[in-house]
């Protein structure tokens, strides 16, 4: 299995009387459903050592991929989160997706991730006889996926 290693160094804890080891070796888990071919890597960070390292429950963090195999975890103030959501995106920046599409065999699930996508789906795919929803996701037969994605992109949605 793959492992993630955090730099081996000593940091002073909140009471500065007892340094703690700021290094952990964690296992990367294989998540998802192997029978449907939807496997993804996952890692869970938890423990008192996070609190001692300055990460508090309920806070937001930014995870940045610095290079392949190297990530950075950083606390983010709520004001920074709100400001970044309001900043206009430039051509070089990747936009956050409006729709998430999940293949489920003969059908695909379309999840609306933004209000804009929910409005678009409500206008173009209203619940009823022709359009079925499951747990908030639009259920689409595989043969219609390509056309629906093309229409969403034409209307300016990020998928």
C-alpha atoms as a PDB file:
ATOM      1  CA  UNK A   1       0.000   0.000   0.000  1.00  0.00           C
ATOM      2  CA  UNK A   2       1.024   3.619  -0.478  1.00  0.00           C
ATOM      3  CA  UNK A   3       1.950   5.625   2.563  1.00  0.00           C
ATOM      4  CA  UNK A   4       2.027   9.323   3.344  1.00  0.00           C
ATOM      5  CA  UNK A   5       4.877  10.616   5.461  1.00  0.00           C
ATOM      6  CA  UNK A   6       4.804  13.932   7.267  1.00  0.00           C
ATOM      7  CA  UNK A   7       8.119  15.710   7.925  1.00  0.00           C
ATOM      8  CA  UNK A   8       9.844  14.282  10.990  1.00  0.00           C
ATOM      9  CA  UNK A   9      10.316  17.152  13.429  1.00  0.00           C
ATOM     10  CA  UNK A  10       9.385  18.164  16.954  1.00  0.00           C
ATOM     11  CA  UNK A  11       6.877  20.928  17.719  1.00  0.00           C
ATOM     12  CA  UNK A  12       5.941  22.430  21.033  1.00  0.00           C
ATOM     13  CA  UNK A  13       2.390  21.587  22.056  1.00  0.00           C
ATOM     14  CA  UNK A  14      -0.136  24.075  23.452  1.00  0.00           C
ATOM     15  CA  UNK A  15       1.475  23.928  26.873  1.00  0.00           C
ATOM     16  CA  UNK A  16       5.025  24.187  25.421  1.00  0.00           C
ATOM     17  CA  UNK A  17       6.233  21.966  28.280  1.00  0.00           C
ATOM     18  CA  UNK A  18       5.882  18.777  26.282  1.00  0.00           C
ATOM     19  CA  UNK A  19       7.042  18.623  22.681  1.00  0.00           C
ATOM     20  CA  UNK A  20       5.197  16.125  20.499  1.00  0.00           C
ATOM     21  CA  UNK A  21       6.259  14.255  17.434  1.00  0.00           C
ATOM     22  CA  UNK A  22       4.805  15.943  14.346  1.00  0.00           C
ATOM     23  CA  UNK A  23       5.429  12.972  12.123  1.00  0.00           C
ATOM     24  CA  UNK A  24       2.915  10.288  11.231  1.00  0.00           C
ATOM     25  CA  UNK A  25       2.906   7.451   8.729  1.00  0.00           C
ATOM     26  CA  UNK A  26      -0.615   6.902   7.452  1.00  0.00           C
ATOM     27  CA  UNK A  27      -2.052   4.266   5.143  1.00  0.00           C
ATOM     28  CA  UNK A  28      -3.807   5.367   1.953  1.00  0.00           C
ATOM     29  CA  UNK A  29      -7.122   3.507   1.861  1.00  0.00           C
ATOM     30  CA  UNK A  30      -8.800   2.099  -1.229  1.00  0.00           C
ATOM     31  CA  UNK A  31     -12.335   3.528  -1.151  1.00  0.00           C
ATOM     32  CA  UNK A  32     -15.318   3.153  -3.414  1.00  0.00           C
ATOM     33  CA  UNK A  33     -17.051   0.189  -4.968  1.00  0.00           C
ATOM     34  CA  UNK A  34     -14.631  -2.205  -6.714  1.00  0.00           C
ATOM     35  CA  UNK A  35     -17.502  -4.015  -8.436  1.00  0.00           C
ATOM     36  CA  UNK A  36     -18.554  -0.844 -10.249  1.00  0.00           C
ATOM     37  CA  UNK A  37     -15.005   0.224 -10.983  1.00  0.00           C
ATOM     38  CA  UNK A  38     -15.306   3.387  -8.904  1.00  0.00           C
ATOM     39  CA  UNK A  39     -12.229   3.057  -6.704  1.00  0.00           C
ATOM     40  CA  UNK A  40     -10.559   6.112  -5.219  1.00  0.00           C
ATOM     41  CA  UNK A  41      -7.744   6.719  -2.763  1.00  0.00           C
ATOM     42  CA  UNK A  42      -8.589   8.146   0.647  1.00  0.00           C
ATOM     43  CA  UNK A  43      -6.892   9.225   3.826  1.00  0.00           C
ATOM     44  CA  UNK A  44      -8.344  10.173   7.213  1.00  0.00           C
ATOM     45  CA  UNK A  45      -6.548  12.558   9.538  1.00  0.00           C
ATOM     46  CA  UNK A  46      -7.676  12.526  13.146  1.00  0.00           C
ATOM     47  CA  UNK A  47      -6.251  12.670  16.643  1.00  0.00           C
ATOM     48  CA  UNK A  48      -5.012  14.969  19.376  1.00  0.00           C
ATOM     49  CA  UNK A  49      -1.851  15.565  17.418  1.00  0.00           C
ATOM     50  CA  UNK A  50      -3.871  17.661  14.934  1.00  0.00           C
ATOM     51  CA  UNK A  51      -5.095  19.899  17.769  1.00  0.00           C
ATOM     52  CA  UNK A  52      -1.543  20.239  19.066  1.00  0.00           C
ATOM     53  CA  UNK A  53      -0.419  21.141  15.546  1.00  0.00           C
ATOM     54  CA  UNK A  54      -2.918  24.034  15.484  1.00  0.00           C
ATOM     55  CA  UNK A  55      -5.898  22.485  13.672  1.00  0.00           C
ATOM     56  CA  UNK A  56      -9.171  22.877  15.617  1.00  0.00           C
ATOM     57  CA  UNK A  57     -12.435  20.961  15.107  1.00  0.00           C
ATOM     58  CA  UNK A  58     -14.833  22.783  12.806  1.00  0.00           C
ATOM     59  CA  UNK A  59     -12.151  24.914  11.141  1.00  0.00           C
ATOM     60  CA  UNK A  60     -11.669  24.873   7.389  1.00  0.00           C
ATOM     61  CA  UNK A  61      -8.376  23.815   5.844  1.00  0.00           C
ATOM     62  CA  UNK A  62      -6.853  24.187   2.404  1.00  0.00           C
ATOM     63  CA  UNK A  63      -5.155  21.151   0.886  1.00  0.00           C
ATOM     64  CA  UNK A  64      -2.686  22.011  -1.862  1.00  0.00           C
ATOM     65  CA  UNK A  65      -0.895  19.505  -4.085  1.00  0.00           C
ATOM     66  CA  UNK A  66       2.597  20.962  -4.245  1.00  0.00           C
ATOM     67  CA  UNK A  67       3.947  18.216  -6.511  1.00  0.00           C
ATOM     68  CA  UNK A  68       3.102  14.548  -7.124  1.00  0.00           C
ATOM     69  CA  UNK A  69       3.330  12.809  -3.767  1.00  0.00           C
ATOM     70  CA  UNK A  70       3.629  16.110  -1.828  1.00  0.00           C
ATOM     71  CA  UNK A  71       0.633  17.891  -0.231  1.00  0.00           C
ATOM     72  CA  UNK A  72       0.335  20.872   2.089  1.00  0.00           C
ATOM     73  CA  UNK A  73      -2.391  21.280   4.720  1.00  0.00           C
ATOM     74  CA  UNK A  74      -3.059  24.825   5.956  1.00  0.00           C
ATOM     75  CA  UNK A  75      -5.698  26.404   8.222  1.00  0.00           C
ATOM     76  CA  UNK A  76      -7.928  28.866   6.379  1.00  0.00           C
ATOM     77  CA  UNK A  77      -9.823  31.691   8.077  1.00  0.00           C
ATOM     78  CA  UNK A  78     -13.548  31.952   7.266  1.00  0.00           C
ATOM     79  CA  UNK A  79     -12.930  35.431   5.827  1.00  0.00           C
ATOM     80  CA  UNK A  80     -10.472  33.929   3.299  1.00  0.00           C
ATOM     81  CA  UNK A  81     -13.035  31.280   2.302  1.00  0.00           C
ATOM     82  CA  UNK A  82     -15.746  33.913   1.753  1.00  0.00           C
ATOM     83  CA  UNK A  83     -13.362  36.201  -0.161  1.00  0.00           C
ATOM     84  CA  UNK A  84     -12.145  33.440  -2.494  1.00  0.00           C
ATOM     85  CA  UNK A  85     -15.745  32.487  -3.292  1.00  0.00           C
ATOM     86  CA  UNK A  86     -16.475  36.085  -4.373  1.00  0.00           C
ATOM     87  CA  UNK A  87     -13.325  36.573  -6.472  1.00  0.00           C
ATOM     88  CA  UNK A  88     -13.878  36.314 -10.233  1.00  0.00           C
ATOM     89  CA  UNK A  89     -12.096  33.410 -11.898  1.00  0.00           C
ATOM     90  CA  UNK A  90      -9.454  34.145 -14.503  1.00  0.00           C
ATOM     91  CA  UNK A  91      -8.851  32.102 -17.634  1.00  0.00           C
ATOM     92  CA  UNK A  92      -5.990  30.162 -16.030  1.00  0.00           C
ATOM     93  CA  UNK A  93      -7.914  29.138 -12.921  1.00  0.00           C
ATOM     94  CA  UNK A  94      -9.997  25.995 -12.774  1.00  0.00           C
ATOM     95  CA  UNK A  95     -13.612  26.755 -11.947  1.00  0.00           C
ATOM     96  CA  UNK A  96     -15.404  24.743  -9.317  1.00  0.00           C
ATOM     97  CA  UNK A  97     -17.885  22.342 -10.921  1.00  0.00           C
ATOM     98  CA  UNK A  98     -21.624  22.980 -11.035  1.00  0.00           C
ATOM     99  CA  UNK A  99     -22.477  19.350 -11.830  1.00  0.00           C
ATOM    100  CA  UNK A 100     -20.945  16.076 -10.724  1.00  0.00           C
ATOM    101  CA  UNK A 101     -21.647  13.058 -12.902  1.00  0.00           C
ATOM    102  CA  UNK A 102     -21.382   9.541 -11.504  1.00  0.00           C
ATOM    103  CA  UNK A 103     -21.625   6.428 -13.727  1.00  0.00           C
ATOM    104  CA  UNK A 104     -23.691   3.663 -12.109  1.00  0.00           C
ATOM    105  CA  UNK A 105     -23.763   0.957 -14.749  1.00  0.00           C
ATOM    106  CA  UNK A 106     -26.622   1.471 -17.226  1.00  0.00           C
ATOM    107  CA  UNK A 107     -27.609   4.773 -15.633  1.00  0.00           C
ATOM    108  CA  UNK A 108     -25.643   7.861 -14.611  1.00  0.00           C
ATOM    109  CA  UNK A 109     -26.408  10.190 -11.711  1.00  0.00           C
ATOM    110  CA  UNK A 110     -26.178  13.969 -12.194  1.00  0.00           C
ATOM    111  CA  UNK A 111     -25.658  15.849  -8.907  1.00  0.00           C
ATOM    112  CA  UNK A 112     -26.273  19.611  -8.833  1.00  0.00           C
ATOM    113  CA  UNK A 113     -23.496  21.155  -6.717  1.00  0.00           C
ATOM    114  CA  UNK A 114     -24.510  24.815  -7.059  1.00  0.00           C
ATOM    115  CA  UNK A 115     -27.723  26.830  -7.078  1.00  0.00           C
ATOM    116  CA  UNK A 116     -27.057  27.617 -10.722  1.00  0.00           C
ATOM    117  CA  UNK A 117     -26.983  23.900 -11.582  1.00  0.00           C
ATOM    118  CA  UNK A 118     -30.152  23.225  -9.544  1.00  0.00           C
ATOM    119  CA  UNK A 119     -31.957  25.976 -11.469  1.00  0.00           C
ATOM    120  CA  UNK A 120     -30.678  24.602 -14.788  1.00  0.00           C
ATOM    121  CA  UNK A 121     -31.766  21.061 -13.943  1.00  0.00           C
ATOM    122  CA  UNK A 122     -35.170  22.319 -12.767  1.00  0.00           C
ATOM    123  CA  UNK A 123     -35.698  24.182 -16.048  1.00  0.00           C
ATOM    124  CA  UNK A 124     -34.344  21.509 -18.413  1.00  0.00           C
ATOM    125  CA  UNK A 125     -35.086  18.295 -16.497  1.00  0.00           C
ATOM    126  CA  UNK A 126     -38.178  18.866 -14.300  1.00  0.00           C
ATOM    127  CA  UNK A 127     -39.180  15.980 -12.058  1.00  0.00           C
ATOM    128  CA  UNK A 128     -42.040  14.019 -13.549  1.00  0.00           C
ATOM    129  CA  UNK A 129     -42.772  11.292 -16.031  1.00  0.00           C
ATOM    130  CA  UNK A 130     -39.784  12.036 -18.280  1.00  0.00           C
ATOM    131  CA  UNK A 131     -37.178  12.751 -15.577  1.00  0.00           C
ATOM    132  CA  UNK A 132     -36.502  10.680 -12.484  1.00  0.00           C
ATOM    133  CA  UNK A 133     -34.547  11.780  -9.409  1.00  0.00           C
ATOM    134  CA  UNK A 134     -32.938   9.544  -6.791  1.00  0.00           C
ATOM    135  CA  UNK A 135     -31.691  11.069  -3.523  1.00  0.00           C
ATOM    136  CA  UNK A 136     -31.526  14.485  -5.184  1.00  0.00           C
ATOM    137  CA  UNK A 137     -29.616  13.271  -8.241  1.00  0.00           C
ATOM    138  CA  UNK A 138     -31.040  13.186 -11.754  1.00  0.00           C
ATOM    139  CA  UNK A 139     -31.021   9.618 -13.087  1.00  0.00           C
ATOM    140  CA  UNK A 140     -30.003   9.499 -16.764  1.00  0.00           C
ATOM    141  CA  UNK A 141     -29.789   6.494 -19.076  1.00  0.00           C
ATOM    142  CA  UNK A 142     -26.283   6.064 -20.486  1.00  0.00           C
ATOM    143  CA  UNK A 143     -27.405   6.760 -24.059  1.00  0.00           C
ATOM    144  CA  UNK A 144     -28.538  10.316 -23.107  1.00  0.00           C
ATOM    145  CA  UNK A 145     -25.496  11.317 -21.024  1.00  0.00           C
ATOM    146  CA  UNK A 146     -23.379  12.765 -23.847  1.00  0.00           C
ATOM    147  CA  UNK A 147     -26.185  15.012 -25.136  1.00  0.00           C
ATOM    148  CA  UNK A 148     -27.138  16.230 -21.666  1.00  0.00           C
ATOM    149  CA  UNK A 149     -23.506  17.036 -20.832  1.00  0.00           C
ATOM    150  CA  UNK A 150     -23.141  18.934 -24.124  1.00  0.00           C
ATOM    151  CA  UNK A 151     -26.222  21.036 -23.318  1.00  0.00           C
ATOM    152  CA  UNK A 152     -24.974  21.768 -19.797  1.00  0.00           C
ATOM    153  CA  UNK A 153     -21.579  22.912 -21.084  1.00  0.00           C
ATOM    154  CA  UNK A 154     -23.218  25.023 -23.821  1.00  0.00           C
ATOM    155  CA  UNK A 155     -25.247  26.760 -21.120  1.00  0.00           C
ATOM    156  CA  UNK A 156     -22.054  27.581 -19.223  1.00  0.00           C
ATOM    157  CA  UNK A 157     -22.095  24.935 -16.477  1.00  0.00           C
ATOM    158  CA  UNK A 158     -18.822  23.448 -15.256  1.00  0.00           C
ATOM    159  CA  UNK A 159     -18.943  19.645 -15.129  1.00  0.00           C
END
